[in-house]
N, C-alpha and C. Protein backbone atom coordinates (compact mmCIF):
# COMPACT_ATOMS: atom_id res chain seq x y z
N MET A 1 17.54 -9.11 22.58
CA MET A 1 16.24 -8.68 23.06
C MET A 1 15.32 -8.29 21.90
N GLU A 2 15.86 -7.54 20.90
CA GLU A 2 15.04 -7.10 19.79
C GLU A 2 14.53 -8.29 18.99
N ARG A 3 15.31 -9.35 18.89
CA ARG A 3 14.90 -10.53 18.14
C ARG A 3 13.62 -11.13 18.71
N SER A 4 13.44 -11.06 20.03
CA SER A 4 12.27 -11.68 20.63
C SER A 4 11.06 -10.75 20.67
N SER A 5 11.27 -9.45 20.64
CA SER A 5 10.14 -8.53 20.78
C SER A 5 9.78 -7.81 19.48
N LYS A 6 10.61 -7.93 18.46
CA LYS A 6 10.36 -7.25 17.19
C LYS A 6 10.38 -8.24 16.04
N PHE A 7 9.51 -8.00 15.07
CA PHE A 7 9.51 -8.81 13.86
C PHE A 7 10.50 -8.14 12.91
N ILE A 8 11.67 -8.76 12.76
CA ILE A 8 12.74 -8.14 11.98
C ILE A 8 12.97 -8.83 10.64
N SER A 9 12.02 -9.64 10.22
CA SER A 9 12.16 -10.35 8.95
C SER A 9 11.61 -9.58 7.76
N ILE A 10 11.25 -8.32 7.98
CA ILE A 10 10.77 -7.51 6.87
C ILE A 10 11.95 -7.18 5.97
N SER A 11 11.76 -7.42 4.68
CA SER A 11 12.82 -7.18 3.71
C SER A 11 12.68 -5.80 3.08
N GLY A 12 13.77 -5.07 3.05
CA GLY A 12 13.77 -3.76 2.40
C GLY A 12 13.52 -3.89 0.91
N LEU A 13 14.07 -4.95 0.32
CA LEU A 13 13.88 -5.18 -1.11
C LEU A 13 12.41 -5.41 -1.43
N SER A 14 11.67 -6.06 -0.53
CA SER A 14 10.24 -6.26 -0.78
C SER A 14 9.51 -4.91 -0.81
N GLY A 15 9.93 -3.96 0.02
CA GLY A 15 9.35 -2.62 -0.01
C GLY A 15 9.56 -1.95 -1.35
N VAL A 16 10.75 -2.12 -1.91
CA VAL A 16 11.04 -1.55 -3.22
C VAL A 16 10.17 -2.21 -4.30
N LEU A 17 10.09 -3.53 -4.26
CA LEU A 17 9.28 -4.24 -5.26
C LEU A 17 7.81 -3.89 -5.14
N ILE A 18 7.31 -3.79 -3.92
CA ILE A 18 5.91 -3.42 -3.71
C ILE A 18 5.64 -2.02 -4.27
N GLY A 19 6.59 -1.12 -4.06
CA GLY A 19 6.47 0.22 -4.63
C GLY A 19 6.46 0.20 -6.15
N LEU A 20 7.28 -0.66 -6.74
CA LEU A 20 7.29 -0.78 -8.20
C LEU A 20 5.97 -1.35 -8.72
N TYR A 21 5.41 -2.34 -8.00
CA TYR A 21 4.11 -2.87 -8.40
C TYR A 21 3.06 -1.76 -8.39
N ALA A 22 3.10 -0.91 -7.37
CA ALA A 22 2.13 0.19 -7.28
C ALA A 22 2.32 1.18 -8.43
N LEU A 23 3.56 1.44 -8.80
CA LEU A 23 3.81 2.34 -9.93
C LEU A 23 3.25 1.75 -11.23
N ILE A 24 3.45 0.45 -11.42
CA ILE A 24 2.91 -0.22 -12.61
C ILE A 24 1.37 -0.18 -12.59
N GLY A 25 0.79 -0.49 -11.43
CA GLY A 25 -0.67 -0.43 -11.31
C GLY A 25 -1.20 0.98 -11.56
N GLY A 26 -0.49 1.97 -11.05
CA GLY A 26 -0.89 3.36 -11.27
C GLY A 26 -0.82 3.73 -12.75
N ALA A 27 0.22 3.25 -13.43
CA ALA A 27 0.35 3.52 -14.86
C ALA A 27 -0.80 2.87 -15.64
N LEU A 28 -1.14 1.63 -15.28
CA LEU A 28 -2.25 0.95 -15.95
C LEU A 28 -3.57 1.68 -15.71
N ALA A 29 -3.77 2.15 -14.49
CA ALA A 29 -4.99 2.89 -14.16
C ALA A 29 -5.02 4.22 -14.92
N TYR A 30 -3.90 4.89 -14.99
CA TYR A 30 -3.83 6.17 -15.70
C TYR A 30 -4.15 5.99 -17.18
N ILE A 31 -3.57 4.95 -17.77
CA ILE A 31 -3.81 4.68 -19.19
C ILE A 31 -5.29 4.41 -19.44
N LYS A 32 -5.90 3.66 -18.54
CA LYS A 32 -7.33 3.35 -18.70
C LYS A 32 -8.19 4.62 -18.57
N ALA A 33 -7.89 5.44 -17.60
CA ALA A 33 -8.71 6.62 -17.35
C ALA A 33 -8.39 7.77 -18.32
N TYR A 34 -7.12 8.03 -18.54
CA TYR A 34 -6.73 9.17 -19.35
C TYR A 34 -6.39 8.79 -20.79
N GLY A 35 -5.83 7.60 -20.96
CA GLY A 35 -5.50 7.12 -22.29
C GLY A 35 -4.49 7.98 -23.00
N PHE A 36 -4.40 7.76 -24.28
CA PHE A 36 -3.44 8.50 -25.11
C PHE A 36 -4.11 9.22 -26.27
N GLU A 37 -5.41 9.04 -26.41
CA GLU A 37 -6.10 9.58 -27.56
C GLU A 37 -6.59 11.01 -27.34
N SER A 38 -6.84 11.39 -26.12
CA SER A 38 -7.40 12.70 -25.83
C SER A 38 -6.31 13.77 -25.82
N GLY A 39 -6.76 14.99 -26.00
CA GLY A 39 -5.85 16.12 -25.93
C GLY A 39 -5.47 16.42 -24.50
N PHE A 40 -4.66 17.41 -24.31
CA PHE A 40 -4.17 17.82 -22.99
C PHE A 40 -5.35 18.13 -22.07
N ASP A 41 -5.30 17.62 -20.86
CA ASP A 41 -6.31 17.86 -19.82
C ASP A 41 -7.66 17.22 -20.09
N TYR A 42 -7.72 16.26 -20.98
CA TYR A 42 -8.96 15.55 -21.22
C TYR A 42 -8.74 14.07 -20.98
N ARG A 43 -9.81 13.39 -20.66
CA ARG A 43 -9.75 11.95 -20.41
C ARG A 43 -10.36 11.20 -21.58
N ASP A 44 -9.88 9.98 -21.78
CA ASP A 44 -10.54 9.09 -22.74
C ASP A 44 -11.77 8.47 -22.10
N HIS A 45 -11.69 8.23 -20.79
CA HIS A 45 -12.78 7.58 -20.06
C HIS A 45 -12.96 8.27 -18.71
N TYR A 46 -14.10 8.02 -18.11
CA TYR A 46 -14.36 8.47 -16.75
C TYR A 46 -14.59 7.24 -15.90
N VAL A 47 -14.39 7.37 -14.61
CA VAL A 47 -14.56 6.24 -13.71
C VAL A 47 -15.97 5.68 -13.82
N THR A 48 -16.92 6.53 -14.11
CA THR A 48 -18.31 6.08 -14.20
C THR A 48 -18.65 5.39 -15.52
N ASP A 49 -17.73 5.40 -16.48
CA ASP A 49 -17.96 4.69 -17.75
C ASP A 49 -18.04 3.19 -17.50
N PRO A 50 -18.81 2.48 -18.29
CA PRO A 50 -18.95 1.02 -18.10
C PRO A 50 -17.59 0.30 -18.15
N GLY A 51 -17.37 -0.55 -17.16
CA GLY A 51 -16.17 -1.37 -17.12
C GLY A 51 -14.94 -0.71 -16.51
N VAL A 52 -14.93 0.60 -16.36
CA VAL A 52 -13.74 1.28 -15.84
C VAL A 52 -13.53 0.95 -14.36
N VAL A 53 -14.59 1.02 -13.56
CA VAL A 53 -14.45 0.70 -12.13
C VAL A 53 -13.99 -0.74 -11.96
N ASP A 54 -14.59 -1.65 -12.71
CA ASP A 54 -14.19 -3.06 -12.62
C ASP A 54 -12.71 -3.23 -12.94
N TYR A 55 -12.26 -2.57 -14.00
CA TYR A 55 -10.86 -2.64 -14.40
C TYR A 55 -9.94 -2.10 -13.29
N LEU A 56 -10.31 -0.95 -12.72
CA LEU A 56 -9.49 -0.34 -11.67
C LEU A 56 -9.45 -1.21 -10.42
N VAL A 57 -10.57 -1.83 -10.07
CA VAL A 57 -10.61 -2.74 -8.92
C VAL A 57 -9.71 -3.95 -9.18
N ILE A 58 -9.75 -4.49 -10.39
CA ILE A 58 -8.90 -5.63 -10.73
C ILE A 58 -7.43 -5.25 -10.66
N VAL A 59 -7.08 -4.09 -11.16
CA VAL A 59 -5.68 -3.62 -11.08
C VAL A 59 -5.27 -3.46 -9.62
N ALA A 60 -6.10 -2.82 -8.81
CA ALA A 60 -5.77 -2.60 -7.40
C ALA A 60 -5.64 -3.92 -6.65
N LEU A 61 -6.54 -4.86 -6.90
CA LEU A 61 -6.46 -6.17 -6.23
C LEU A 61 -5.23 -6.95 -6.70
N SER A 62 -4.86 -6.80 -7.97
CA SER A 62 -3.66 -7.46 -8.48
C SER A 62 -2.41 -6.90 -7.81
N VAL A 63 -2.36 -5.59 -7.64
CA VAL A 63 -1.23 -4.97 -6.94
C VAL A 63 -1.18 -5.46 -5.50
N LEU A 64 -2.33 -5.50 -4.85
CA LEU A 64 -2.40 -5.98 -3.47
C LEU A 64 -1.94 -7.43 -3.36
N LEU A 65 -2.44 -8.29 -4.22
CA LEU A 65 -2.09 -9.71 -4.16
C LEU A 65 -0.60 -9.94 -4.43
N THR A 66 -0.07 -9.32 -5.47
CA THR A 66 1.36 -9.51 -5.76
C THR A 66 2.22 -8.92 -4.64
N SER A 67 1.76 -7.83 -4.04
CA SER A 67 2.50 -7.22 -2.92
C SER A 67 2.51 -8.15 -1.71
N LEU A 68 1.36 -8.72 -1.39
CA LEU A 68 1.28 -9.64 -0.26
C LEU A 68 2.16 -10.87 -0.48
N ILE A 69 2.07 -11.45 -1.67
CA ILE A 69 2.89 -12.63 -1.98
C ILE A 69 4.37 -12.29 -1.89
N THR A 70 4.76 -11.16 -2.46
CA THR A 70 6.16 -10.74 -2.41
C THR A 70 6.61 -10.52 -0.97
N GLY A 71 5.80 -9.81 -0.19
CA GLY A 71 6.15 -9.55 1.20
C GLY A 71 6.34 -10.81 2.01
N VAL A 72 5.42 -11.77 1.86
CA VAL A 72 5.50 -13.03 2.61
C VAL A 72 6.71 -13.85 2.17
N LEU A 73 6.89 -13.99 0.87
CA LEU A 73 8.03 -14.79 0.37
C LEU A 73 9.37 -14.19 0.78
N MET A 74 9.48 -12.88 0.69
CA MET A 74 10.75 -12.24 1.04
C MET A 74 10.97 -12.25 2.56
N ALA A 75 9.90 -12.16 3.34
CA ALA A 75 10.04 -12.27 4.80
C ALA A 75 10.49 -13.67 5.18
N LYS A 76 9.93 -14.69 4.53
CA LYS A 76 10.35 -16.07 4.79
C LYS A 76 11.83 -16.25 4.44
N ARG A 77 12.22 -15.70 3.31
CA ARG A 77 13.61 -15.80 2.88
C ARG A 77 14.56 -15.13 3.88
N LYS A 78 14.18 -13.94 4.33
CA LYS A 78 15.03 -13.23 5.28
C LYS A 78 15.04 -13.94 6.63
N ALA A 79 13.89 -14.45 7.07
CA ALA A 79 13.82 -15.16 8.35
C ALA A 79 14.72 -16.39 8.32
N LYS A 80 14.68 -17.10 7.22
CA LYS A 80 15.54 -18.28 7.08
C LYS A 80 17.02 -17.88 7.13
N LYS A 81 17.33 -16.78 6.48
CA LYS A 81 18.71 -16.28 6.44
C LYS A 81 19.23 -15.91 7.83
N ILE A 82 18.36 -15.32 8.66
CA ILE A 82 18.79 -14.91 10.00
C ILE A 82 18.41 -15.94 11.06
N LYS A 83 17.98 -17.13 10.58
CA LYS A 83 17.64 -18.25 11.46
C LYS A 83 16.55 -17.90 12.47
N GLN A 84 15.48 -17.32 11.96
CA GLN A 84 14.34 -16.96 12.78
C GLN A 84 13.07 -17.48 12.10
N SER A 85 12.12 -17.91 12.87
CA SER A 85 10.85 -18.36 12.30
C SER A 85 10.04 -17.14 11.87
N VAL A 86 9.46 -17.21 10.69
CA VAL A 86 8.63 -16.10 10.23
C VAL A 86 7.29 -16.08 10.94
N TRP A 87 6.83 -17.23 11.43
CA TRP A 87 5.56 -17.31 12.13
C TRP A 87 5.83 -17.55 13.60
N ASN A 88 5.87 -16.48 14.38
CA ASN A 88 6.17 -16.54 15.80
C ASN A 88 5.20 -15.63 16.55
N PRO A 89 5.27 -15.59 17.87
CA PRO A 89 4.32 -14.74 18.62
C PRO A 89 4.36 -13.27 18.19
N THR A 90 5.54 -12.76 17.86
CA THR A 90 5.64 -11.36 17.45
C THR A 90 4.97 -11.13 16.10
N SER A 91 5.19 -12.04 15.15
CA SER A 91 4.56 -11.86 13.84
C SER A 91 3.04 -12.02 13.94
N LYS A 92 2.58 -12.87 14.85
CA LYS A 92 1.14 -13.01 15.07
C LYS A 92 0.56 -11.71 15.64
N SER A 93 1.26 -11.12 16.58
CA SER A 93 0.81 -9.84 17.15
C SER A 93 0.82 -8.74 16.09
N LEU A 94 1.84 -8.74 15.24
CA LEU A 94 1.91 -7.78 14.15
C LEU A 94 0.72 -7.94 13.22
N LEU A 95 0.40 -9.16 12.88
CA LEU A 95 -0.73 -9.43 11.99
C LEU A 95 -2.05 -8.94 12.58
N VAL A 96 -2.25 -9.18 13.86
CA VAL A 96 -3.48 -8.72 14.53
C VAL A 96 -3.54 -7.19 14.54
N ALA A 97 -2.40 -6.55 14.82
CA ALA A 97 -2.37 -5.08 14.86
C ALA A 97 -2.67 -4.48 13.49
N LEU A 98 -2.20 -5.14 12.44
CA LEU A 98 -2.45 -4.66 11.07
C LEU A 98 -3.87 -4.94 10.61
N ALA A 99 -4.41 -6.07 11.03
CA ALA A 99 -5.67 -6.58 10.48
C ALA A 99 -6.86 -5.66 10.70
N VAL A 100 -7.01 -5.11 11.89
CA VAL A 100 -8.21 -4.32 12.17
C VAL A 100 -8.29 -3.08 11.28
N PRO A 101 -7.25 -2.24 11.21
CA PRO A 101 -7.36 -1.08 10.31
C PRO A 101 -7.43 -1.47 8.84
N LEU A 102 -6.71 -2.52 8.43
CA LEU A 102 -6.72 -2.92 7.03
C LEU A 102 -8.08 -3.46 6.61
N LEU A 103 -8.65 -4.34 7.42
CA LEU A 103 -9.98 -4.88 7.09
C LEU A 103 -11.04 -3.79 7.12
N THR A 104 -10.96 -2.91 8.10
CA THR A 104 -11.91 -1.80 8.18
C THR A 104 -11.79 -0.91 6.94
N GLY A 105 -10.56 -0.60 6.56
CA GLY A 105 -10.34 0.22 5.37
C GLY A 105 -10.81 -0.46 4.10
N GLY A 106 -10.60 -1.76 4.01
CA GLY A 106 -11.06 -2.51 2.84
C GLY A 106 -12.57 -2.50 2.73
N ILE A 107 -13.24 -2.73 3.83
CA ILE A 107 -14.71 -2.70 3.84
C ILE A 107 -15.22 -1.30 3.52
N PHE A 108 -14.56 -0.31 4.10
CA PHE A 108 -14.93 1.09 3.82
C PHE A 108 -14.79 1.40 2.33
N ALA A 109 -13.71 0.93 1.71
CA ALA A 109 -13.50 1.16 0.27
C ALA A 109 -14.58 0.48 -0.56
N VAL A 110 -14.96 -0.74 -0.18
CA VAL A 110 -16.02 -1.44 -0.90
C VAL A 110 -17.34 -0.66 -0.79
N ILE A 111 -17.62 -0.12 0.38
CA ILE A 111 -18.84 0.68 0.56
C ILE A 111 -18.78 1.93 -0.32
N LEU A 112 -17.61 2.59 -0.36
CA LEU A 112 -17.46 3.77 -1.21
C LEU A 112 -17.70 3.43 -2.68
N ILE A 113 -17.17 2.30 -3.12
CA ILE A 113 -17.37 1.87 -4.51
C ILE A 113 -18.85 1.61 -4.77
N ALA A 114 -19.49 0.90 -3.85
CA ALA A 114 -20.91 0.58 -4.00
C ALA A 114 -21.78 1.84 -4.06
N LYS A 115 -21.40 2.85 -3.30
CA LYS A 115 -22.16 4.11 -3.26
C LYS A 115 -21.76 5.08 -4.37
N GLY A 116 -20.67 4.77 -5.10
CA GLY A 116 -20.22 5.64 -6.18
C GLY A 116 -19.38 6.82 -5.75
N TYR A 117 -18.82 6.77 -4.56
CA TYR A 117 -17.96 7.85 -4.06
C TYR A 117 -16.50 7.57 -4.44
N TYR A 118 -16.25 7.53 -5.72
CA TYR A 118 -14.93 7.11 -6.21
C TYR A 118 -13.81 8.07 -5.82
N GLY A 119 -14.12 9.33 -5.68
CA GLY A 119 -13.11 10.33 -5.36
C GLY A 119 -12.52 10.19 -3.96
N LEU A 120 -13.13 9.40 -3.11
CA LEU A 120 -12.65 9.23 -1.74
C LEU A 120 -11.85 7.94 -1.53
N ILE A 121 -11.83 7.09 -2.54
CA ILE A 121 -11.24 5.76 -2.35
C ILE A 121 -9.73 5.82 -2.13
N ALA A 122 -9.01 6.51 -3.00
CA ALA A 122 -7.54 6.54 -2.87
C ALA A 122 -7.12 7.13 -1.53
N SER A 123 -7.74 8.23 -1.15
CA SER A 123 -7.37 8.87 0.12
C SER A 123 -7.70 7.98 1.30
N SER A 124 -8.86 7.33 1.28
CA SER A 124 -9.22 6.47 2.41
C SER A 124 -8.31 5.25 2.50
N LEU A 125 -7.90 4.69 1.36
CA LEU A 125 -6.97 3.56 1.39
C LEU A 125 -5.64 3.97 1.99
N LEU A 126 -5.16 5.14 1.63
CA LEU A 126 -3.90 5.64 2.20
C LEU A 126 -4.02 5.84 3.71
N ILE A 127 -5.13 6.42 4.14
CA ILE A 127 -5.31 6.69 5.58
C ILE A 127 -5.40 5.39 6.38
N PHE A 128 -6.22 4.47 5.95
CA PHE A 128 -6.37 3.22 6.69
C PHE A 128 -5.08 2.38 6.65
N TYR A 129 -4.39 2.39 5.53
CA TYR A 129 -3.11 1.68 5.44
C TYR A 129 -2.10 2.32 6.40
N GLY A 130 -2.07 3.63 6.43
CA GLY A 130 -1.17 4.33 7.35
C GLY A 130 -1.50 4.01 8.80
N LEU A 131 -2.78 3.98 9.13
CA LEU A 131 -3.19 3.61 10.49
C LEU A 131 -2.74 2.19 10.84
N ALA A 132 -2.85 1.29 9.87
CA ALA A 132 -2.41 -0.09 10.10
C ALA A 132 -0.91 -0.14 10.36
N LEU A 133 -0.14 0.61 9.58
CA LEU A 133 1.31 0.61 9.76
C LEU A 133 1.71 1.20 11.11
N VAL A 134 1.07 2.28 11.50
CA VAL A 134 1.38 2.88 12.80
C VAL A 134 1.02 1.89 13.92
N SER A 135 -0.11 1.24 13.78
CA SER A 135 -0.53 0.26 14.78
C SER A 135 0.45 -0.91 14.85
N GLY A 136 0.90 -1.40 13.72
CA GLY A 136 1.81 -2.54 13.70
C GLY A 136 3.26 -2.20 13.96
N SER A 137 3.60 -0.92 13.91
CA SER A 137 5.01 -0.52 14.05
C SER A 137 5.59 -0.86 15.42
N VAL A 138 4.74 -1.07 16.39
CA VAL A 138 5.19 -1.45 17.73
C VAL A 138 5.96 -2.78 17.68
N TYR A 139 5.62 -3.60 16.68
CA TYR A 139 6.19 -4.94 16.59
C TYR A 139 7.30 -5.08 15.56
N THR A 140 7.74 -3.98 14.98
CA THR A 140 8.78 -4.08 13.96
C THR A 140 9.63 -2.81 13.93
N PHE A 141 10.29 -2.56 12.82
CA PHE A 141 11.20 -1.43 12.69
C PHE A 141 10.49 -0.10 12.90
N LYS A 142 11.20 0.88 13.46
CA LYS A 142 10.59 2.20 13.68
C LYS A 142 10.27 2.91 12.37
N GLU A 143 10.94 2.52 11.30
CA GLU A 143 10.68 3.13 9.99
C GLU A 143 9.26 2.85 9.50
N VAL A 144 8.68 1.75 9.96
CA VAL A 144 7.30 1.41 9.58
C VAL A 144 6.34 2.48 10.13
N LYS A 145 6.61 2.96 11.33
CA LYS A 145 5.77 4.01 11.91
C LYS A 145 5.84 5.28 11.07
N TRP A 146 7.04 5.65 10.65
CA TRP A 146 7.19 6.86 9.84
C TRP A 146 6.51 6.70 8.48
N LEU A 147 6.63 5.51 7.89
CA LEU A 147 5.93 5.25 6.64
C LEU A 147 4.42 5.40 6.86
N GLY A 148 3.91 4.86 7.95
CA GLY A 148 2.49 4.96 8.26
C GLY A 148 2.03 6.40 8.44
N LEU A 149 2.81 7.18 9.17
CA LEU A 149 2.44 8.58 9.38
C LEU A 149 2.44 9.36 8.07
N LEU A 150 3.41 9.08 7.21
CA LEU A 150 3.45 9.75 5.90
C LEU A 150 2.25 9.33 5.03
N GLU A 151 1.87 8.06 5.10
CA GLU A 151 0.70 7.58 4.35
C GLU A 151 -0.56 8.30 4.83
N ILE A 152 -0.71 8.43 6.14
CA ILE A 152 -1.88 9.13 6.70
C ILE A 152 -1.91 10.59 6.22
N MET A 153 -0.77 11.27 6.33
CA MET A 153 -0.71 12.67 5.90
C MET A 153 -1.04 12.81 4.42
N LEU A 154 -0.48 11.91 3.61
CA LEU A 154 -0.75 11.95 2.17
C LEU A 154 -2.24 11.71 1.89
N GLY A 155 -2.85 10.79 2.61
CA GLY A 155 -4.28 10.52 2.46
C GLY A 155 -5.12 11.73 2.83
N LEU A 156 -4.74 12.42 3.89
CA LEU A 156 -5.49 13.61 4.30
C LEU A 156 -5.35 14.74 3.27
N VAL A 157 -4.15 14.90 2.73
CA VAL A 157 -3.95 15.91 1.68
C VAL A 157 -4.77 15.53 0.45
N ALA A 158 -4.80 14.23 0.12
CA ALA A 158 -5.56 13.76 -1.04
C ALA A 158 -7.05 14.08 -0.89
N LEU A 159 -7.56 14.06 0.33
CA LEU A 159 -8.96 14.41 0.55
C LEU A 159 -9.26 15.85 0.13
N SER A 160 -8.26 16.72 0.26
CA SER A 160 -8.47 18.13 -0.07
C SER A 160 -8.14 18.44 -1.53
N ALA A 161 -7.75 17.43 -2.29
CA ALA A 161 -7.40 17.63 -3.70
C ALA A 161 -8.18 16.65 -4.58
N PRO A 162 -9.49 16.84 -4.68
CA PRO A 162 -10.29 15.90 -5.47
C PRO A 162 -9.83 15.86 -6.93
N GLY A 163 -9.87 14.68 -7.49
CA GLY A 163 -9.45 14.51 -8.87
C GLY A 163 -8.01 14.08 -9.04
N TYR A 164 -7.27 14.09 -7.94
CA TYR A 164 -5.85 13.70 -8.00
C TYR A 164 -5.56 12.46 -7.16
N GLY A 165 -6.59 11.70 -6.85
CA GLY A 165 -6.44 10.52 -6.01
C GLY A 165 -5.43 9.53 -6.55
N LEU A 166 -5.44 9.32 -7.86
CA LEU A 166 -4.50 8.36 -8.46
C LEU A 166 -3.07 8.80 -8.21
N TRP A 167 -2.79 10.08 -8.32
CA TRP A 167 -1.43 10.58 -8.11
C TRP A 167 -0.99 10.39 -6.66
N PHE A 168 -1.90 10.64 -5.73
CA PHE A 168 -1.57 10.43 -4.32
C PHE A 168 -1.40 8.94 -4.02
N TRP A 169 -2.24 8.11 -4.62
CA TRP A 169 -2.14 6.66 -4.44
C TRP A 169 -0.76 6.18 -4.92
N VAL A 170 -0.34 6.65 -6.08
CA VAL A 170 0.97 6.28 -6.63
C VAL A 170 2.09 6.80 -5.73
N ALA A 171 1.94 8.02 -5.23
CA ALA A 171 2.97 8.57 -4.34
C ALA A 171 3.07 7.77 -3.05
N GLY A 172 1.93 7.41 -2.47
CA GLY A 172 1.93 6.70 -1.19
C GLY A 172 2.33 5.25 -1.31
N PHE A 173 1.65 4.52 -2.18
CA PHE A 173 1.93 3.09 -2.29
C PHE A 173 3.14 2.80 -3.17
N GLY A 174 3.49 3.73 -4.04
CA GLY A 174 4.62 3.53 -4.93
C GLY A 174 5.89 4.18 -4.41
N VAL A 175 5.95 5.49 -4.51
CA VAL A 175 7.18 6.23 -4.19
C VAL A 175 7.59 6.07 -2.72
N LEU A 176 6.66 6.23 -1.79
CA LEU A 176 7.02 6.10 -0.37
C LEU A 176 7.52 4.70 -0.04
N HIS A 177 6.93 3.68 -0.67
CA HIS A 177 7.38 2.31 -0.42
C HIS A 177 8.79 2.09 -0.95
N ILE A 178 9.09 2.66 -2.09
CA ILE A 178 10.43 2.50 -2.66
C ILE A 178 11.45 3.18 -1.74
N ILE A 179 11.16 4.38 -1.30
CA ILE A 179 12.07 5.09 -0.39
C ILE A 179 12.23 4.31 0.91
N TYR A 180 11.10 3.87 1.50
CA TYR A 180 11.14 3.08 2.72
C TYR A 180 11.98 1.81 2.52
N GLY A 181 11.76 1.12 1.41
CA GLY A 181 12.50 -0.11 1.13
C GLY A 181 13.99 0.11 1.07
N PHE A 182 14.40 1.20 0.41
CA PHE A 182 15.84 1.51 0.33
C PHE A 182 16.41 1.82 1.71
N ILE A 183 15.65 2.55 2.52
CA ILE A 183 16.13 2.89 3.87
C ILE A 183 16.29 1.62 4.71
N VAL A 184 15.29 0.76 4.71
CA VAL A 184 15.35 -0.48 5.50
C VAL A 184 16.47 -1.38 4.99
N PHE A 185 16.60 -1.47 3.68
CA PHE A 185 17.66 -2.31 3.11
C PHE A 185 19.04 -1.80 3.53
N LYS A 186 19.25 -0.50 3.39
CA LYS A 186 20.55 0.08 3.73
C LYS A 186 20.85 -0.01 5.22
N LYS A 187 19.84 0.18 6.06
CA LYS A 187 20.04 0.23 7.50
C LYS A 187 20.14 -1.16 8.14
N TYR A 188 19.34 -2.13 7.66
CA TYR A 188 19.24 -3.40 8.36
C TYR A 188 19.76 -4.61 7.58
N GLU A 189 20.01 -4.43 6.31
CA GLU A 189 20.42 -5.60 5.53
C GLU A 189 21.84 -5.39 5.08
């Protein structure tokens, strides 16, 4: 029954890899913003410095793209292994459930960037991503719902801690994904 109503081709290992990509992206962003030349508690650059926003957007989009490619390839591999089609009615429903909050969050982030509200971007990405996971969790493992709820909570906490968005982004997209990936791998693979 679960095979027909749940998308079970999600790979735990892809969650770990996606988390690692986020950690690498976070490190690159940290180096760009804080660098190594300044003393303790000082930055080499600010987000408003020329080219910094562009660099951070490129890093974030690179993490997103590599994460999507990894997720799709590993889902295909797992689906083939368990003799299930990766593109079926359940995966289509999952995609629709994820799409609305993700696209809304993406557009919202672009508006924040355009308006210069950089301090709200990391928290809003976490919140909208969490909403997408909770929405899509109906079609897959229950652990996805818990990951989504934790992402939402982390995003809300990040809103109350301005200046630490990068750390929350790394915690949510990096650390939580790695933990989630290990749990899914151990439990289902």
